[in-house]
Amino acid sequence: MDITVTYQRGPTDPGAGPVKIGWLLGKTDAPVIYEPPRRVHSREARREHAKSASRCPAVVGLESRYFEVLCPFDLNIGFTRDKDGKPVLRNLSGEKSAVRGSTLGKRLTLVNEGEWRYPDRPIIQLKLPYYFITDEPVYMTQLEAYMYYRKTPLPGTIFGGRFPINLWPRPLMWAFEWHDTAKPITIRRGEPLFYVQFEADGPDRTVQMVEAEMTDELQTYMDHIGGAVNYVNQTFSLFEAAERVRPERLLKVKEK
């Protein structure tokens, strides 16, 4: 027996219409280099023909549910070990690098070797100042930018993740598991680092992305939960406690 599920909402339903997601930058010394998250779509694809794949509703519907976060600066990183066998990163661009080594070192780190999932696959993390926040129950999933073609594939895979942004606003990072350390990690500024996807209370809810303001209430709440990862392994167990102290409204659209 076929069962069709439909979602019907009235105009006064708080879940009617698009779900509003706010994005903002935390503290950073160069906010101008971080582009707003942008909706994924085939920017250079041909659309003249009525039957073009780029006009297919299924394709358009899929792309519209992803937002891409772009790389803020050029990366050209190699892996090696020092004379004591300690793993280290190398900036392969050397003096031609647009990023000072000391600055890059503050943003890009090599995870402690004892925390790698596999002994031969280093994990690196690029710290980013992006936050996403909403006042509705919404889960965000971070995943590989799999619709972006790279002439030279990356020598590994990214770490994805999924968590509720209404309860756990946290700065994002790009985490990468390096499978082939003989090959460098090369990403240009403006190329997508990853996609984010948002799940609200039904498959018909679209997303309205807005720039949010860092209010005192939001900053206080983020400070309240921010250091938990340093003390607790399973931070998901803290969602209930976080919900008890969460203000009713955290999202305030930034005035232009």
Protein backbone atom coordinates (compact mmCIF):
# COMPACT_ATOMS: atom_id res chain seq x y z
CA MET A 1 0.00 0.00 0.00
CA ASP A 2 1.40 3.40 -1.00
CA ILE A 3 1.35 6.08 1.69
CA THR A 4 1.80 9.73 0.78
CA VAL A 5 2.84 12.12 3.55
CA THR A 6 2.04 15.79 3.10
CA TYR A 7 2.96 18.73 5.30
CA GLN A 8 0.24 21.33 5.62
CA ARG A 9 0.75 24.51 7.61
CA GLY A 10 -1.45 27.51 8.15
CA PRO A 11 -0.17 31.10 7.81
CA THR A 12 0.01 31.48 11.61
CA ASP A 13 2.02 28.30 12.12
CA PRO A 14 5.45 29.29 13.55
CA GLY A 15 6.94 26.66 11.25
CA ALA A 16 5.36 28.12 8.12
CA GLY A 17 7.57 29.57 5.41
CA PRO A 18 11.38 29.46 5.20
CA VAL A 19 13.46 28.72 8.27
CA LYS A 20 15.68 31.72 9.04
CA ILE A 21 19.34 30.89 9.59
CA GLY A 22 21.75 33.57 10.74
CA TRP A 23 25.47 33.54 10.00
CA LEU A 24 28.11 35.72 11.65
CA LEU A 25 31.81 35.91 12.29
CA GLY A 26 33.35 35.57 15.72
CA LYS A 27 36.46 37.42 16.82
CA THR A 28 39.01 37.55 14.01
CA ASP A 29 41.85 39.88 13.05
CA ALA A 30 40.86 40.07 9.35
CA PRO A 31 37.09 39.70 8.87
CA VAL A 32 37.29 41.11 5.34
CA ILE A 33 38.87 37.90 3.99
CA TYR A 34 35.90 35.75 5.02
CA GLU A 35 33.17 35.74 2.38
CA PRO A 36 29.50 35.27 3.31
CA PRO A 37 28.29 31.68 2.92
CA ARG A 38 26.62 31.41 -0.47
CA ARG A 39 23.98 29.11 -1.84
CA VAL A 40 25.35 26.42 -4.15
CA HIS A 41 24.31 26.59 -7.78
CA SER A 42 25.84 25.93 -11.18
CA ARG A 43 26.96 29.49 -11.88
CA GLU A 44 28.38 28.94 -15.35
CA ALA A 45 25.97 26.24 -16.51
CA ARG A 46 23.95 26.77 -19.69
CA ARG A 47 20.22 27.32 -19.16
CA GLU A 48 19.02 28.25 -22.66
CA HIS A 49 17.49 24.87 -23.46
CA ALA A 50 14.23 24.00 -21.69
CA LYS A 51 15.52 20.47 -21.07
CA SER A 52 18.92 21.55 -19.78
CA ALA A 53 20.08 19.59 -16.74
CA SER A 54 20.79 22.91 -14.99
CA ARG A 55 17.05 23.71 -15.14
CA CYS A 56 15.92 20.35 -13.79
CA PRO A 57 13.76 20.95 -10.67
CA ALA A 58 15.43 18.04 -8.86
CA VAL A 59 18.90 19.48 -9.52
CA VAL A 60 17.87 23.01 -8.59
CA GLY A 61 16.12 21.72 -5.47
CA LEU A 62 19.20 19.81 -4.34
CA GLU A 63 21.63 22.66 -4.94
CA SER A 64 19.38 25.19 -3.19
CA ARG A 65 19.66 23.24 0.06
CA TYR A 66 23.44 23.54 0.28
CA PHE A 67 25.50 26.58 1.24
CA GLU A 68 29.23 26.67 0.61
CA VAL A 69 31.93 28.13 2.85
CA LEU A 70 34.91 29.40 0.87
CA CYS A 71 38.60 29.15 1.64
CA PRO A 72 39.77 32.56 2.97
CA PHE A 73 43.38 32.31 1.75
CA ASP A 74 45.67 30.14 -0.37
CA LEU A 75 46.84 26.88 1.16
CA ASN A 76 49.81 24.88 -0.14
CA ILE A 77 50.76 22.54 2.67
CA GLY A 78 53.10 19.59 2.86
CA PHE A 79 53.66 16.96 5.55
CA THR A 80 56.98 15.76 6.94
CA ARG A 81 58.67 14.66 10.14
CA ASP A 82 61.52 16.45 11.87
CA LYS A 83 64.80 14.87 12.95
CA ASP A 84 63.11 13.53 16.08
CA GLY A 85 60.29 11.92 14.11
CA LYS A 86 57.73 14.48 15.18
CA PRO A 87 55.08 15.24 12.49
CA VAL A 88 55.14 18.82 11.21
CA LEU A 89 53.48 20.90 8.50
CA ARG A 90 55.41 22.74 5.79
CA ASN A 91 54.26 25.84 3.93
CA LEU A 92 55.35 24.79 0.43
CA SER A 93 54.89 28.29 -0.98
CA GLY A 94 57.74 29.54 1.20
CA GLU A 95 58.55 33.21 0.69
CA LYS A 96 55.99 33.37 -2.12
CA SER A 97 53.18 32.59 0.31
CA ALA A 98 50.55 35.32 0.70
CA VAL A 99 50.15 34.29 4.35
CA ARG A 100 52.87 34.83 6.93
CA GLY A 101 54.01 31.61 8.56
CA SER A 102 53.23 32.90 12.06
CA THR A 103 49.71 33.86 10.98
CA LEU A 104 49.11 30.54 9.24
CA GLY A 105 50.27 28.69 12.34
CA LYS A 106 47.53 30.34 14.40
CA ARG A 107 44.83 29.11 12.03
CA LEU A 108 46.13 25.78 10.74
CA THR A 109 47.13 23.10 13.22
CA LEU A 110 48.20 19.48 13.11
CA VAL A 111 46.20 17.36 15.55
CA ASN A 112 48.21 15.52 18.20
CA GLU A 113 49.40 12.22 16.69
CA GLY A 114 47.82 10.20 19.48
CA GLU A 115 44.39 11.53 18.44
CA TRP A 116 44.60 10.44 14.79
CA ARG A 117 42.03 7.81 13.79
CA TYR A 118 44.69 5.88 11.87
CA PRO A 119 48.44 5.92 12.59
CA ASP A 120 49.33 6.76 8.98
CA ARG A 121 46.68 9.45 8.37
CA PRO A 122 47.44 12.82 9.94
CA ILE A 123 44.53 15.11 10.80
CA ILE A 124 44.79 18.85 10.30
CA GLN A 125 42.34 21.56 11.35
CA LEU A 126 41.77 25.00 9.87
CA LYS A 127 40.07 27.25 12.42
CA LEU A 128 37.33 29.46 11.01
CA PRO A 129 35.30 32.23 12.68
CA TYR A 130 31.94 31.26 11.14
CA TYR A 131 28.92 30.70 13.38
CA PHE A 132 25.38 29.69 12.39
CA ILE A 133 22.43 30.38 14.67
CA THR A 134 18.65 30.01 14.58
CA ASP A 135 15.70 30.20 16.98
CA GLU A 136 14.02 27.04 15.66
CA PRO A 137 15.11 23.42 16.14
CA VAL A 138 17.52 22.98 13.23
CA TYR A 139 20.37 20.55 12.65
CA MET A 140 23.30 21.57 10.50
CA THR A 141 25.36 19.03 8.57
CA GLN A 142 28.86 19.85 7.36
CA LEU A 143 30.04 17.80 4.39
CA GLU A 144 32.47 17.65 1.50
CA ALA A 145 31.99 20.11 -1.38
CA TYR A 146 31.35 17.15 -3.64
CA MET A 147 29.82 19.11 -6.53
CA TYR A 148 32.98 21.19 -6.97
CA TYR A 149 35.44 19.79 -9.51
CA ARG A 150 39.12 20.00 -8.57
CA LYS A 151 41.67 19.43 -11.31
CA THR A 152 43.96 18.05 -8.63
CA PRO A 153 41.96 16.06 -6.08
CA LEU A 154 42.73 16.57 -2.41
CA PRO A 155 44.86 13.72 -0.95
CA GLY A 156 42.30 12.72 1.67
CA THR A 157 38.84 13.35 3.04
CA ILE A 158 37.24 16.00 5.22
CA PHE A 159 35.56 15.33 8.55
CA GLY A 160 31.88 16.07 8.40
CA GLY A 161 29.57 16.58 11.34
CA ARG A 162 25.97 17.20 12.37
CA PHE A 163 24.68 19.14 15.39
CA PRO A 164 21.77 21.42 16.43
CA ILE A 165 22.68 25.05 15.79
CA ASN A 166 19.76 26.36 17.84
CA LEU A 167 21.39 24.85 20.96
CA TRP A 168 25.07 24.62 20.10
CA PRO A 169 26.39 27.63 18.16
CA ARG A 170 30.09 26.96 17.76
CA PRO A 171 32.86 28.18 15.44
CA LEU A 172 33.29 25.92 12.45
CA MET A 173 36.53 24.40 11.34
CA TRP A 174 37.73 22.54 8.31
CA ALA A 175 39.10 19.19 9.50
CA PHE A 176 40.99 17.02 7.01
CA GLU A 177 42.27 13.46 7.21
CA TRP A 178 45.41 13.20 5.09
CA HIS A 179 45.49 9.77 3.38
CA ASP A 180 48.42 10.32 0.99
CA THR A 181 50.99 12.48 2.80
CA ALA A 182 53.34 12.34 -0.21
CA LYS A 183 50.94 14.74 -1.95
CA PRO A 184 50.37 18.34 -0.85
CA ILE A 185 47.10 19.95 0.16
CA THR A 186 46.53 22.79 -2.29
CA ILE A 187 43.42 24.96 -2.07
CA ARG A 188 43.06 28.43 -3.56
CA ARG A 189 41.34 31.36 -1.95
CA GLY A 190 37.69 31.43 -3.05
CA GLU A 191 37.40 27.68 -3.62
CA PRO A 192 34.79 25.93 -1.47
CA LEU A 193 36.11 24.25 1.67
CA PHE A 194 32.87 22.47 2.47
CA TYR A 195 29.07 22.60 2.26
CA VAL A 196 26.56 23.06 5.04
CA GLN A 197 22.99 21.76 4.93
CA PHE A 198 20.16 22.59 7.33
CA GLU A 199 17.37 20.28 8.49
CA ALA A 200 14.25 21.86 9.98
CA ASP A 201 10.94 20.16 10.83
CA GLY A 202 9.97 19.06 7.34
CA PRO A 203 11.40 18.46 3.86
CA ASP A 204 9.38 21.38 2.43
CA ARG A 205 11.05 24.05 4.55
CA THR A 206 13.47 26.19 2.55
CA VAL A 207 16.28 28.22 4.11
CA GLN A 208 16.58 31.99 4.30
CA MET A 209 20.19 32.91 5.09
CA VAL A 210 20.70 36.27 6.84
CA GLU A 211 23.66 38.00 8.42
CA ALA A 212 23.24 38.00 12.19
CA GLU A 213 24.41 40.38 14.88
CA MET A 214 26.59 39.38 17.82
CA THR A 215 24.34 40.51 20.65
CA ASP A 216 25.27 40.46 24.34
CA GLU A 217 22.82 37.59 24.88
CA LEU A 218 24.36 35.52 22.10
CA GLN A 219 27.93 36.19 23.27
CA THR A 220 27.05 35.27 26.85
CA TYR A 221 25.39 32.04 25.73
CA MET A 222 28.31 31.06 23.50
CA ASP A 223 30.74 31.77 26.35
CA HIS A 224 28.60 29.53 28.58
CA ILE A 225 28.96 26.49 26.29
CA GLY A 226 32.20 27.31 24.47
CA GLY A 227 34.76 25.60 26.68
CA ALA A 228 32.83 22.38 27.29
CA VAL A 229 34.80 20.41 24.68
CA ASN A 230 37.95 20.83 26.81
CA TYR A 231 36.35 19.04 29.75
CA VAL A 232 33.73 16.65 28.35
CA ASN A 233 34.19 14.06 25.60
CA GLN A 234 30.52 13.64 24.72
CA THR A 235 29.32 17.24 24.41
CA PHE A 236 26.00 16.08 22.93
CA SER A 237 25.08 15.01 26.47
CA LEU A 238 25.05 18.70 27.41
CA PHE A 239 22.32 19.75 24.97
CA GLU A 240 19.59 19.42 27.57
CA ALA A 241 21.53 21.54 30.07
CA ALA A 242 22.24 24.14 27.37
CA GLU A 243 18.57 24.33 26.45
CA ARG A 244 17.64 25.17 30.06
CA VAL A 245 19.76 28.34 30.06
CA ARG A 246 19.23 29.37 26.43
CA PRO A 247 17.48 32.73 25.95
CA GLU A 248 14.24 32.54 23.95
CA ARG A 249 15.72 34.63 21.13
CA LEU A 250 19.35 34.59 19.98
CA LEU A 251 19.01 35.51 16.32
CA LYS A 252 18.99 39.22 15.55
CA VAL A 253 19.33 40.22 11.90
CA LYS A 254 22.18 42.66 11.37
CA GLU A 255 21.10 46.05 10.12
CA LYS A 256 22.69 47.09 6.86
